[in-house]
Amino acid sequence: MITKLDYRGMVGVILINLSNEDFIVNPGDRIAQMVFAPVVQAELLPALFLSETDRGEGGFGSTGKK
């Protein structure tokens, strides 16, 4: 696995106040959260054939039961 840590720019937050009242954001106020998560890049390969499954041809969410 190759880890690439190259972003050094500013991180911004877009805020919008949809109320009719003023809302003041003061320095130090907590207004956002950030989640650091890995980005996975898969290499997709075409299948020559597909095996049978319990789901059958029922599609996504199908139990295969009738």
PDB file of N, CA and C in Angstrom:
ATOM      1  N   MET A   1       0.841  -1.180   0.000  1.00  0.00           N
ATOM      2  CA  MET A   1       0.000   0.000   0.000  1.00  0.00           C
ATOM      3  C   MET A   1       0.886   1.243   0.000  1.00  0.00           C
ATOM      4  N   ILE A   2       0.614   2.138  -0.916  1.00  0.00           N
ATOM      5  CA  ILE A   2       1.371   3.380  -0.988  1.00  0.00           C
ATOM      6  C   ILE A   2       0.526   4.486  -0.378  1.00  0.00           C
ATOM      7  N   THR A   3       1.087   5.179   0.598  1.00  0.00           N
ATOM      8  CA  THR A   3       0.384   6.287   1.232  1.00  0.00           C
ATOM      9  C   THR A   3       0.938   7.580   0.682  1.00  0.00           C
ATOM     10  N   LYS A   4       0.059   8.427   0.198  1.00  0.00           N
ATOM     11  CA  LYS A   4       0.481   9.697  -0.386  1.00  0.00           C
ATOM     12  C   LYS A   4      -0.058  10.820   0.480  1.00  0.00           C
ATOM     13  N   LEU A   5       0.824  11.510   1.167  1.00  0.00           N
ATOM     14  CA  LEU A   5       0.438  12.622   2.038  1.00  0.00           C
ATOM     15  C   LEU A   5       0.973  13.905   1.426  1.00  0.00           C
ATOM     16  N   ASP A   6       0.184  14.496   0.538  1.00  0.00           N
ATOM     17  CA  ASP A   6       0.728  15.648  -0.172  1.00  0.00           C
ATOM     18  C   ASP A   6      -0.101  16.918  -0.071  1.00  0.00           C
ATOM     19  N   TYR A   7      -1.270  16.904   0.563  1.00  0.00           N
ATOM     20  CA  TYR A   7      -2.087  18.115   0.621  1.00  0.00           C
ATOM     21  C   TYR A   7      -1.594  19.008   1.744  1.00  0.00           C
ATOM     22  N   ARG A   8      -1.323  20.260   1.421  1.00  0.00           N
ATOM     23  CA  ARG A   8      -0.806  21.199   2.412  1.00  0.00           C
ATOM     24  C   ARG A   8      -1.622  22.493   2.472  1.00  0.00           C
ATOM     25  N   GLY A   9      -2.724  22.541   1.745  1.00  0.00           N
ATOM     26  CA  GLY A   9      -3.495  23.773   1.648  1.00  0.00           C
ATOM     27  C   GLY A   9      -4.445  23.976   2.812  1.00  0.00           C
ATOM     28  N   MET A  10      -5.160  25.075   2.757  1.00  0.00           N
ATOM     29  CA  MET A  10      -6.158  25.406   3.765  1.00  0.00           C
ATOM     30  C   MET A  10      -7.353  24.463   3.634  1.00  0.00           C
ATOM     31  N   VAL A  11      -7.981  24.198   4.751  1.00  0.00           N
ATOM     32  CA  VAL A  11      -9.221  23.435   4.770  1.00  0.00           C
ATOM     33  C   VAL A  11     -10.313  24.416   5.168  1.00  0.00           C
ATOM     34  N   GLY A  12     -11.340  24.520   4.348  1.00  0.00           N
ATOM     35  CA  GLY A  12     -12.404  25.482   4.610  1.00  0.00           C
ATOM     36  C   GLY A  12     -13.726  24.801   4.901  1.00  0.00           C
ATOM     37  N   VAL A  13     -14.639  25.581   5.429  1.00  0.00           N
ATOM     38  CA  VAL A  13     -15.992  25.107   5.725  1.00  0.00           C
ATOM     39  C   VAL A  13     -16.964  26.090   5.099  1.00  0.00           C
ATOM     40  N   ILE A  14     -17.926  25.573   4.358  1.00  0.00           N
ATOM     41  CA  ILE A  14     -18.958  26.421   3.770  1.00  0.00           C
ATOM     42  C   ILE A  14     -20.137  26.426   4.737  1.00  0.00           C
ATOM     43  N   LEU A  15     -20.536  27.608   5.178  1.00  0.00           N
ATOM     44  CA  LEU A  15     -21.650  27.755   6.111  1.00  0.00           C
ATOM     45  C   LEU A  15     -22.749  28.593   5.482  1.00  0.00           C
ATOM     46  N   ILE A  16     -23.978  28.277   5.809  1.00  0.00           N
ATOM     47  CA  ILE A  16     -25.105  29.102   5.383  1.00  0.00           C
ATOM     48  C   ILE A  16     -26.103  29.167   6.533  1.00  0.00           C
ATOM     49  N   ASN A  17     -26.597  30.341   6.788  1.00  0.00           N
ATOM     50  CA  ASN A  17     -27.590  30.555   7.828  1.00  0.00           C
ATOM     51  C   ASN A  17     -28.943  30.679   7.142  1.00  0.00           C
ATOM     52  N   LEU A  18     -29.776  29.673   7.291  1.00  0.00           N
ATOM     53  CA  LEU A  18     -31.087  29.670   6.641  1.00  0.00           C
ATOM     54  C   LEU A  18     -32.189  30.229   7.527  1.00  0.00           C
ATOM     55  N   SER A  19     -31.814  30.730   8.703  1.00  0.00           N
ATOM     56  CA  SER A  19     -32.832  31.315   9.577  1.00  0.00           C
ATOM     57  C   SER A  19     -32.939  32.812   9.302  1.00  0.00           C
ATOM     58  N   ASN A  20     -33.907  33.437   9.939  1.00  0.00           N
ATOM     59  CA  ASN A  20     -34.075  34.882   9.802  1.00  0.00           C
ATOM     60  C   ASN A  20     -33.345  35.652  10.894  1.00  0.00           C
ATOM     61  N   GLU A  21     -32.647  34.918  11.764  1.00  0.00           N
ATOM     62  CA  GLU A  21     -31.925  35.556  12.861  1.00  0.00           C
ATOM     63  C   GLU A  21     -30.429  35.507  12.605  1.00  0.00           C
ATOM     64  N   ASP A  22     -29.741  36.556  13.044  1.00  0.00           N
ATOM     65  CA  ASP A  22     -28.287  36.579  12.916  1.00  0.00           C
ATOM     66  C   ASP A  22     -27.665  35.473  13.762  1.00  0.00           C
ATOM     67  N   PHE A  23     -26.599  34.906  13.258  1.00  0.00           N
ATOM     68  CA  PHE A  23     -25.837  33.904  14.011  1.00  0.00           C
ATOM     69  C   PHE A  23     -24.374  34.282  13.879  1.00  0.00           C
ATOM     70  N   ILE A  24     -23.738  34.558  14.986  1.00  0.00           N
ATOM     71  CA  ILE A  24     -22.355  35.004  14.975  1.00  0.00           C
ATOM     72  C   ILE A  24     -21.439  33.833  15.283  1.00  0.00           C
ATOM     73  N   VAL A  25     -20.458  33.618  14.419  1.00  0.00           N
ATOM     74  CA  VAL A  25     -19.445  32.596  14.639  1.00  0.00           C
ATOM     75  C   VAL A  25     -18.208  33.302  15.181  1.00  0.00           C
ATOM     76  N   ASN A  26     -17.844  32.938  16.382  1.00  0.00           N
ATOM     77  CA  ASN A  26     -16.690  33.548  17.042  1.00  0.00           C
ATOM     78  C   ASN A  26     -15.461  32.665  16.900  1.00  0.00           C
ATOM     79  N   PRO A  27     -14.279  33.261  16.933  1.00  0.00           N
ATOM     80  CA  PRO A  27     -13.052  32.458  16.887  1.00  0.00           C
ATOM     81  C   PRO A  27     -13.076  31.400  17.986  1.00  0.00           C
ATOM     82  N   GLY A  28     -12.757  30.176  17.635  1.00  0.00           N
ATOM     83  CA  GLY A  28     -12.758  29.083  18.600  1.00  0.00           C
ATOM     84  C   GLY A  28     -14.057  28.307  18.664  1.00  0.00           C
ATOM     85  N   ASP A  29     -15.129  28.825  18.037  1.00  0.00           N
ATOM     86  CA  ASP A  29     -16.398  28.089  18.014  1.00  0.00           C
ATOM     87  C   ASP A  29     -16.232  26.805  17.199  1.00  0.00           C
ATOM     88  N   ARG A  30     -16.857  25.759  17.660  1.00  0.00           N
ATOM     89  CA  ARG A  30     -16.825  24.485  16.938  1.00  0.00           C
ATOM     90  C   ARG A  30     -18.003  24.452  15.973  1.00  0.00           C
ATOM     91  N   ILE A  31     -17.699  24.492  14.690  1.00  0.00           N
ATOM     92  CA  ILE A  31     -18.760  24.596  13.683  1.00  0.00           C
ATOM     93  C   ILE A  31     -18.750  23.447  12.687  1.00  0.00           C
ATOM     94  N   ALA A  32     -17.769  22.555  12.775  1.00  0.00           N
ATOM     95  CA  ALA A  32     -17.673  21.485  11.787  1.00  0.00           C
ATOM     96  C   ALA A  32     -16.932  20.294  12.388  1.00  0.00           C
ATOM     97  N   GLN A  33     -17.034  19.166  11.713  1.00  0.00           N
ATOM     98  CA  GLN A  33     -16.287  17.975  12.076  1.00  0.00           C
ATOM     99  C   GLN A  33     -15.567  17.463  10.835  1.00  0.00           C
ATOM    100  N   MET A  34     -14.475  16.774  11.060  1.00  0.00           N
ATOM    101  CA  MET A  34     -13.724  16.199   9.946  1.00  0.00           C
ATOM    102  C   MET A  34     -13.456  14.732  10.254  1.00  0.00           C
ATOM    103  N   VAL A  35     -13.593  13.913   9.242  1.00  0.00           N
ATOM    104  CA  VAL A  35     -13.282  12.491   9.370  1.00  0.00           C
ATOM    105  C   VAL A  35     -12.158  12.178   8.396  1.00  0.00           C
ATOM    106  N   PHE A  36     -11.080  11.626   8.907  1.00  0.00           N
ATOM    107  CA  PHE A  36      -9.989  11.175   8.053  1.00  0.00           C
ATOM    108  C   PHE A  36     -10.235   9.709   7.731  1.00  0.00           C
ATOM    109  N   ALA A  37     -10.367   9.398   6.466  1.00  0.00           N
ATOM    110  CA  ALA A  37     -10.641   8.032   6.052  1.00  0.00           C
ATOM    111  C   ALA A  37      -9.803   7.710   4.822  1.00  0.00           C
ATOM    112  N   PRO A  38      -9.344   6.471   4.724  1.00  0.00           N
ATOM    113  CA  PRO A  38      -8.534   6.102   3.556  1.00  0.00           C
ATOM    114  C   PRO A  38      -9.388   6.074   2.291  1.00  0.00           C
ATOM    115  N   VAL A  39      -8.758   6.365   1.187  1.00  0.00           N
ATOM    116  CA  VAL A  39      -9.407   6.275  -0.117  1.00  0.00           C
ATOM    117  C   VAL A  39      -8.841   5.045  -0.801  1.00  0.00           C
ATOM    118  N   VAL A  40      -9.719   4.127  -1.163  1.00  0.00           N
ATOM    119  CA  VAL A  40      -9.286   2.885  -1.786  1.00  0.00           C
ATOM    120  C   VAL A  40      -9.574   2.960  -3.274  1.00  0.00           C
ATOM    121  N   GLN A  41      -8.584   2.627  -4.075  1.00  0.00           N
ATOM    122  CA  GLN A  41      -8.780   2.597  -5.514  1.00  0.00           C
ATOM    123  C   GLN A  41      -8.654   1.149  -5.966  1.00  0.00           C
ATOM    124  N   ALA A  42      -9.757   0.595  -6.424  1.00  0.00           N
ATOM    125  CA  ALA A  42      -9.781  -0.810  -6.841  1.00  0.00           C
ATOM    126  C   ALA A  42      -9.491  -0.935  -8.327  1.00  0.00           C
ATOM    127  N   GLU A  43      -8.899  -2.044  -8.680  1.00  0.00           N
ATOM    128  CA  GLU A  43      -8.714  -2.370 -10.095  1.00  0.00           C
ATOM    129  C   GLU A  43      -9.807  -3.369 -10.461  1.00  0.00           C
ATOM    130  N   LEU A  44     -10.721  -2.976 -11.321  1.00  0.00           N
ATOM    131  CA  LEU A  44     -11.842  -3.834 -11.708  1.00  0.00           C
ATOM    132  C   LEU A  44     -11.461  -4.668 -12.920  1.00  0.00           C
ATOM    133  N   LEU A  45     -11.792  -5.943 -12.846  1.00  0.00           N
ATOM    134  CA  LEU A  45     -11.501  -6.862 -13.940  1.00  0.00           C
ATOM    135  C   LEU A  45     -12.805  -7.470 -14.440  1.00  0.00           C
ATOM    136  N   PRO A  46     -12.985  -7.577 -15.753  1.00  0.00           N
ATOM    137  CA  PRO A  46     -14.221  -8.169 -16.271  1.00  0.00           C
ATOM    138  C   PRO A  46     -14.276  -9.673 -15.952  1.00  0.00           C
ATOM    139  N   ALA A  47     -15.471 -10.167 -15.665  1.00  0.00           N
ATOM    140  CA  ALA A  47     -15.666 -11.593 -15.396  1.00  0.00           C
ATOM    141  C   ALA A  47     -16.043 -12.302 -16.686  1.00  0.00           C
ATOM    142  N   LEU A  48     -15.474 -13.475 -16.885  1.00  0.00           N
ATOM    143  CA  LEU A  48     -15.809 -14.254 -18.073  1.00  0.00           C
ATOM    144  C   LEU A  48     -17.159 -14.938 -17.907  1.00  0.00           C
ATOM    145  N   PHE A  49     -17.518 -15.277 -16.648  1.00  0.00           N
ATOM    146  CA  PHE A  49     -18.824 -15.870 -16.367  1.00  0.00           C
ATOM    147  C   PHE A  49     -19.170 -15.576 -14.914  1.00  0.00           C
ATOM    148  N   LEU A  50     -20.437 -15.695 -14.574  1.00  0.00           N
ATOM    149  CA  LEU A  50     -20.902 -15.496 -13.209  1.00  0.00           C
ATOM    150  C   LEU A  50     -21.517 -16.776 -12.704  1.00  0.00           C
ATOM    151  N   SER A  51     -21.171 -17.169 -11.488  1.00  0.00           N
ATOM    152  CA  SER A  51     -21.731 -18.383 -10.904  1.00  0.00           C
ATOM    153  C   SER A  51     -23.133 -18.095 -10.371  1.00  0.00           C
ATOM    154  N   GLU A  52     -23.903 -19.154 -10.112  1.00  0.00           N
ATOM    155  CA  GLU A  52     -25.237 -19.020  -9.547  1.00  0.00           C
ATOM    156  C   GLU A  52     -25.144 -18.510  -8.106  1.00  0.00           C
ATOM    157  N   THR A  53     -26.178 -17.814  -7.662  1.00  0.00           N
ATOM    158  CA  THR A  53     -26.223 -17.311  -6.293  1.00  0.00           C
ATOM    159  C   THR A  53     -27.565 -17.658  -5.666  1.00  0.00           C
ATOM    160  N   ASP A  54     -27.653 -17.574  -4.337  1.00  0.00           N
ATOM    161  CA  ASP A  54     -28.924 -17.798  -3.648  1.00  0.00           C
ATOM    162  C   ASP A  54     -29.964 -16.771  -4.073  1.00  0.00           C
ATOM    163  N   ARG A  55     -29.522 -15.585  -4.382  1.00  0.00           N
ATOM    164  CA  ARG A  55     -30.425 -14.508  -4.760  1.00  0.00           C
ATOM    165  C   ARG A  55     -31.028 -14.759  -6.136  1.00  0.00           C
ATOM    166  N   GLY A  56     -30.295 -15.443  -6.984  1.00  0.00           N
ATOM    167  CA  GLY A  56     -30.787 -15.716  -8.334  1.00  0.00           C
ATOM    168  C   GLY A  56     -30.864 -14.441  -9.153  1.00  0.00           C
ATOM    169  N   GLU A  57     -31.917 -14.298  -9.927  1.00  0.00           N
ATOM    170  CA  GLU A  57     -32.076 -13.118 -10.775  1.00  0.00           C
ATOM    171  C   GLU A  57     -32.987 -12.087 -10.132  1.00  0.00           C
ATOM    172  N   GLY A  58     -33.236 -12.225  -8.813  1.00  0.00           N
ATOM    173  CA  GLY A  58     -34.140 -11.318  -8.109  1.00  0.00           C
ATOM    174  C   GLY A  58     -33.621  -9.901  -7.978  1.00  0.00           C
ATOM    175  N   GLY A  59     -32.334  -9.688  -8.130  1.00  0.00           N
ATOM    176  CA  GLY A  59     -31.790  -8.351  -8.058  1.00  0.00           C
ATOM    177  C   GLY A  59     -31.386  -7.942  -6.669  1.00  0.00           C
ATOM    178  N   PHE A  60     -30.978  -6.712  -6.518  1.00  0.00           N
ATOM    179  CA  PHE A  60     -30.491  -6.171  -5.246  1.00  0.00           C
ATOM    180  C   PHE A  60     -31.558  -6.286  -4.163  1.00  0.00           C
ATOM    181  N   GLY A  61     -31.184  -6.829  -3.012  1.00  0.00           N
ATOM    182  CA  GLY A  61     -32.107  -6.935  -1.884  1.00  0.00           C
ATOM    183  C   GLY A  61     -32.975  -8.170  -1.919  1.00  0.00           C
ATOM    184  N   SER A  62     -32.920  -8.946  -2.979  1.00  0.00           N
ATOM    185  CA  SER A  62     -33.788 -10.121  -3.079  1.00  0.00           C
ATOM    186  C   SER A  62     -33.235 -11.252  -2.203  1.00  0.00           C
ATOM    187  N   THR A  63     -34.137 -11.983  -1.545  1.00  0.00           N
ATOM    188  CA  THR A  63     -33.738 -13.129  -0.735  1.00  0.00           C
ATOM    189  C   THR A  63     -33.673 -14.401  -1.566  1.00  0.00           C
ATOM    190  N   GLY A  64     -34.223 -14.351  -2.764  1.00  0.00           N
ATOM    191  CA  GLY A  64     -34.287 -15.524  -3.590  1.00  0.00           C
ATOM    192  C   GLY A  64     -35.509 -16.375  -3.298  1.00  0.00           C
ATOM    193  N   LYS A  65     -36.273 -16.010  -2.240  1.00  0.00           N
ATOM    194  CA  LYS A  65     -37.470 -16.764  -1.880  1.00  0.00           C
ATOM    195  C   LYS A  65     -38.667 -16.217  -2.638  1.00  0.00           C
ATOM    196  N   LYS A  66     -39.598 -17.107  -2.940  1.00  0.00           N
ATOM    197  CA  LYS A  66     -40.800 -16.667  -3.667  1.00  0.00           C
ATOM    198  C   LYS A  66     -42.006 -16.816  -2.819  1.00  0.00           C
TER     199      LYS A  66
END
